[in-house]
Amino acid sequence: METHTLEWSDDPVSFARSLVTGDHTILIYEDPVEARTIEAAFLSGGLSKGESAIYLTAFEDPAWVSKSLEDAGLDGIDRFMDSGLLRILRIKSPADESEEVSQYFDAMYRKVLSGIRSPFRLVGRLYNLVSEDQVMRNIKVEEMTQRNMGLNIGSVMCSYDMSKISERMQISWFSPAVREHHALVTAPGGRRGIGFYMRD
């Protein structure tokens, strides 16, 4: 089993790269460029060891995500994608699905992880939270993801753009969401972020 090399860091990029299999991390950001750099470092940390990588987005074109990850420092992205080690997929946001959350979660992960070998690293940018129902669905998905981390088959980074979460929803969402993760990484606008483990 891998061990954490950094418990806390004021260099969120290095912290993201050092994350290990079994980690469930929440990235909270205001600076989208720095956030993409952190995501690229997280994926690169696995790809450099031969791990699979998946990037899930609900709102961005996969070709644009690929270019922005490359600009953010993910070298060899075409090679990784051609070999099947890296997949960038656009899916519908779990917060906007009508299907019962547990059924959606199982079906989504079966589809997303089909043909992917473990260990893997997965980044998800899947939520704009503007209603209580979306918040509740989001928290349930995070709870199920956290439970599955015990299988130790991969690591997950959940990215949240705070500008896409209404201020009213941030109050009800923040504490429950953070509680369902092992580590927290921040990319605030105008100042340096941090990364740290909250629990094993």
Protein backbone atom coordinates (compact mmCIF):
# COMPACT_ATOMS: atom_id res chain seq x y z
CA MET A 1 0.00 0.00 0.00
CA GLU A 2 1.27 3.46 -0.95
CA THR A 3 2.01 5.95 1.82
CA HIS A 4 1.51 9.71 1.78
CA THR A 5 4.70 11.65 1.13
CA LEU A 6 3.10 15.02 1.93
CA GLU A 7 0.59 15.50 4.75
CA TRP A 8 0.36 19.26 4.20
CA SER A 9 1.80 21.62 1.62
CA ASP A 10 1.56 25.25 0.54
CA ASP A 11 2.34 23.96 -2.96
CA PRO A 12 -0.98 22.48 -4.11
CA VAL A 13 0.51 21.27 -7.42
CA SER A 14 3.15 19.14 -5.69
CA PHE A 15 0.56 17.94 -3.20
CA ALA A 16 -1.79 16.85 -6.00
CA ARG A 17 1.00 14.99 -7.78
CA SER A 18 1.85 13.13 -4.55
CA LEU A 19 -1.67 11.79 -3.91
CA VAL A 20 -1.90 7.99 -3.78
CA THR A 21 -4.29 5.17 -4.63
CA GLY A 22 -7.31 5.24 -2.34
CA ASP A 23 -7.32 9.02 -1.89
CA HIS A 24 -10.57 10.92 -2.43
CA THR A 25 -9.71 14.61 -2.79
CA ILE A 26 -11.82 17.72 -3.12
CA LEU A 27 -10.41 20.64 -5.15
CA ILE A 28 -12.12 23.94 -4.40
CA TYR A 29 -11.13 26.74 -6.72
CA GLU A 30 -11.67 30.33 -7.76
CA ASP A 31 -8.69 30.42 -10.15
CA PRO A 32 -9.55 28.14 -13.12
CA VAL A 33 -6.04 28.22 -14.60
CA GLU A 34 -4.42 27.12 -11.34
CA ALA A 35 -7.14 24.51 -10.87
CA ARG A 36 -6.34 22.96 -14.26
CA THR A 37 -2.65 22.94 -13.35
CA ILE A 38 -3.49 21.05 -10.15
CA GLU A 39 -5.66 18.57 -12.06
CA ALA A 40 -2.88 18.06 -14.64
CA ALA A 41 -0.36 17.39 -11.87
CA PHE A 42 -2.70 14.88 -10.23
CA LEU A 43 -3.19 12.96 -13.49
CA SER A 44 0.50 13.24 -14.41
CA GLY A 45 1.50 11.78 -11.05
CA GLY A 46 -0.35 8.60 -11.98
CA LEU A 47 0.42 8.46 -15.70
CA SER A 48 4.15 8.72 -14.96
CA LYS A 49 3.78 5.44 -13.02
CA GLY A 50 1.77 3.72 -15.76
CA GLU A 51 -1.59 4.26 -14.06
CA SER A 52 -4.75 4.86 -16.09
CA ALA A 53 -6.35 8.32 -16.03
CA ILE A 54 -9.90 9.54 -16.66
CA TYR A 55 -11.16 13.10 -16.89
CA LEU A 56 -14.94 13.54 -16.62
CA THR A 57 -16.57 16.83 -17.53
CA ALA A 58 -20.20 17.84 -17.72
CA PHE A 59 -19.72 21.27 -19.24
CA GLU A 60 -16.56 21.41 -21.38
CA ASP A 61 -15.66 20.05 -24.80
CA PRO A 62 -13.20 17.12 -24.40
CA ALA A 63 -10.89 18.54 -27.11
CA TRP A 64 -10.67 21.81 -25.22
CA VAL A 65 -10.02 19.97 -21.94
CA SER A 66 -7.20 18.04 -23.65
CA LYS A 67 -5.59 21.27 -24.90
CA SER A 68 -5.95 23.00 -21.55
CA LEU A 69 -4.41 20.04 -19.68
CA GLU A 70 -1.48 20.11 -22.09
CA ASP A 71 -1.10 23.88 -21.57
CA ALA A 72 -1.23 23.22 -17.81
CA GLY A 73 1.79 20.91 -17.99
CA LEU A 74 0.48 17.43 -18.81
CA ASP A 75 3.18 16.37 -21.27
CA GLY A 76 2.63 13.60 -23.83
CA ILE A 77 -1.15 13.89 -23.71
CA ASP A 78 -1.62 12.67 -27.32
CA ARG A 79 0.52 9.61 -26.61
CA PHE A 80 -1.43 8.80 -23.45
CA MET A 81 -4.77 9.18 -25.24
CA ASP A 82 -3.67 7.15 -28.27
CA SER A 83 -2.51 4.32 -25.99
CA GLY A 84 -5.79 4.35 -24.04
CA LEU A 85 -4.11 5.28 -20.75
CA LEU A 86 -5.96 8.62 -20.68
CA ARG A 87 -9.64 9.15 -21.44
CA ILE A 88 -11.48 12.47 -21.47
CA LEU A 89 -15.25 12.00 -21.40
CA ARG A 90 -18.21 14.35 -21.38
CA ILE A 91 -21.13 13.06 -19.33
CA LYS A 92 -24.33 14.52 -17.94
CA SER A 93 -23.99 16.02 -14.49
CA PRO A 94 -25.18 13.61 -11.78
CA ALA A 95 -26.99 16.57 -10.18
CA ASP A 96 -29.24 16.87 -13.23
CA GLU A 97 -30.17 13.19 -13.60
CA SER A 98 -33.67 12.03 -12.71
CA GLU A 99 -32.57 8.44 -11.99
CA GLU A 100 -32.27 7.34 -8.36
CA VAL A 101 -28.77 8.27 -7.18
CA SER A 102 -27.46 4.80 -6.30
CA GLN A 103 -28.65 3.34 -9.61
CA TYR A 104 -27.12 6.24 -11.52
CA PHE A 105 -23.85 5.93 -9.60
CA ASP A 106 -23.47 2.21 -10.30
CA ALA A 107 -24.31 2.58 -13.99
CA MET A 108 -22.03 5.59 -14.43
CA TYR A 109 -19.01 3.97 -12.84
CA ARG A 110 -19.49 0.75 -14.77
CA LYS A 111 -19.57 2.75 -18.00
CA VAL A 112 -16.71 5.10 -17.13
CA LEU A 113 -14.39 2.38 -15.80
CA SER A 114 -15.13 -0.16 -18.54
CA GLY A 115 -11.80 -1.42 -19.86
CA ILE A 116 -9.80 0.69 -17.39
CA ARG A 117 -7.17 -1.16 -15.42
CA SER A 118 -6.39 -0.37 -11.81
CA PRO A 119 -4.99 1.67 -10.29
CA PHE A 120 -6.47 4.72 -11.97
CA ARG A 121 -6.72 8.44 -11.33
CA LEU A 122 -10.02 10.18 -12.04
CA VAL A 123 -10.83 13.90 -12.15
CA GLY A 124 -14.46 15.01 -12.20
CA ARG A 125 -15.77 18.49 -13.03
CA LEU A 126 -19.45 17.68 -12.92
CA TYR A 127 -21.43 20.18 -10.88
CA ASN A 128 -23.03 23.61 -10.99
CA LEU A 129 -25.05 23.61 -7.79
CA VAL A 130 -27.94 26.06 -7.76
CA SER A 131 -30.72 24.11 -5.99
CA GLU A 132 -31.17 22.11 -2.79
CA ASP A 133 -32.02 19.00 -4.82
CA GLN A 134 -28.74 19.27 -6.75
CA VAL A 135 -26.84 19.68 -3.48
CA MET A 136 -28.49 16.59 -1.99
CA ARG A 137 -27.73 14.49 -5.08
CA ASN A 138 -24.15 15.73 -5.06
CA ILE A 139 -23.62 14.80 -1.41
CA LYS A 140 -25.06 11.31 -2.02
CA VAL A 141 -22.68 10.76 -4.95
CA GLU A 142 -19.75 11.93 -2.81
CA GLU A 143 -20.81 9.56 -0.01
CA MET A 144 -20.91 6.61 -2.42
CA THR A 145 -17.56 7.57 -3.94
CA GLN A 146 -16.04 7.76 -0.46
CA ARG A 147 -17.36 4.29 0.42
CA ASN A 148 -15.89 2.85 -2.78
CA MET A 149 -12.44 4.27 -2.02
CA GLY A 150 -12.07 1.41 0.44
CA LEU A 151 -11.70 -0.91 -2.55
CA ASN A 152 -8.32 0.76 -3.13
CA ILE A 153 -8.58 0.57 -6.92
CA GLY A 154 -7.93 4.21 -7.72
CA SER A 155 -7.88 7.82 -6.57
CA VAL A 156 -10.44 10.52 -7.32
CA MET A 157 -10.23 14.32 -7.44
CA CYS A 158 -13.58 16.16 -7.38
CA SER A 159 -13.23 19.72 -8.71
CA TYR A 160 -15.62 22.50 -7.72
CA ASP A 161 -15.67 25.98 -9.23
CA MET A 162 -17.02 28.13 -6.41
CA SER A 163 -18.34 30.68 -8.90
CA LYS A 164 -20.71 27.99 -10.19
CA ILE A 165 -22.21 27.30 -6.76
CA SER A 166 -24.66 29.90 -5.55
CA GLU A 167 -23.74 31.57 -2.26
CA ARG A 168 -26.89 30.22 -0.64
CA MET A 169 -26.03 26.67 -1.76
CA GLN A 170 -22.42 26.99 -0.59
CA ILE A 171 -23.64 27.24 3.01
CA SER A 172 -25.57 23.95 2.94
CA TRP A 173 -23.07 22.15 0.66
CA PHE A 174 -19.59 22.94 1.94
CA SER A 175 -19.26 21.05 5.23
CA PRO A 176 -21.05 17.83 4.14
CA ALA A 177 -19.07 17.75 0.88
CA VAL A 178 -15.68 18.25 2.50
CA ARG A 179 -16.48 15.58 5.11
CA GLU A 180 -16.75 12.94 2.37
CA HIS A 181 -13.10 13.36 1.29
CA HIS A 182 -9.67 12.42 2.60
CA ALA A 183 -7.87 15.52 1.36
CA LEU A 184 -8.57 19.14 0.45
CA VAL A 185 -6.78 21.24 -2.18
CA THR A 186 -7.52 24.92 -2.82
CA ALA A 187 -6.84 27.31 -5.69
CA PRO A 188 -8.10 30.68 -4.49
CA GLY A 189 -7.98 33.68 -6.76
CA GLY A 190 -5.11 36.09 -6.13
CA ARG A 191 -3.22 34.04 -3.54
CA ARG A 192 -1.47 30.73 -3.14
CA GLY A 193 -3.51 27.62 -2.40
CA ILE A 194 -2.77 24.71 -0.07
CA GLY A 195 -3.25 20.96 0.06
CA PHE A 196 -3.64 18.77 3.13
CA TYR A 197 -5.00 15.46 4.40
CA MET A 198 -8.00 15.66 6.70
CA ARG A 199 -8.04 11.93 7.56
CA ASP A 200 -6.55 8.58 6.49
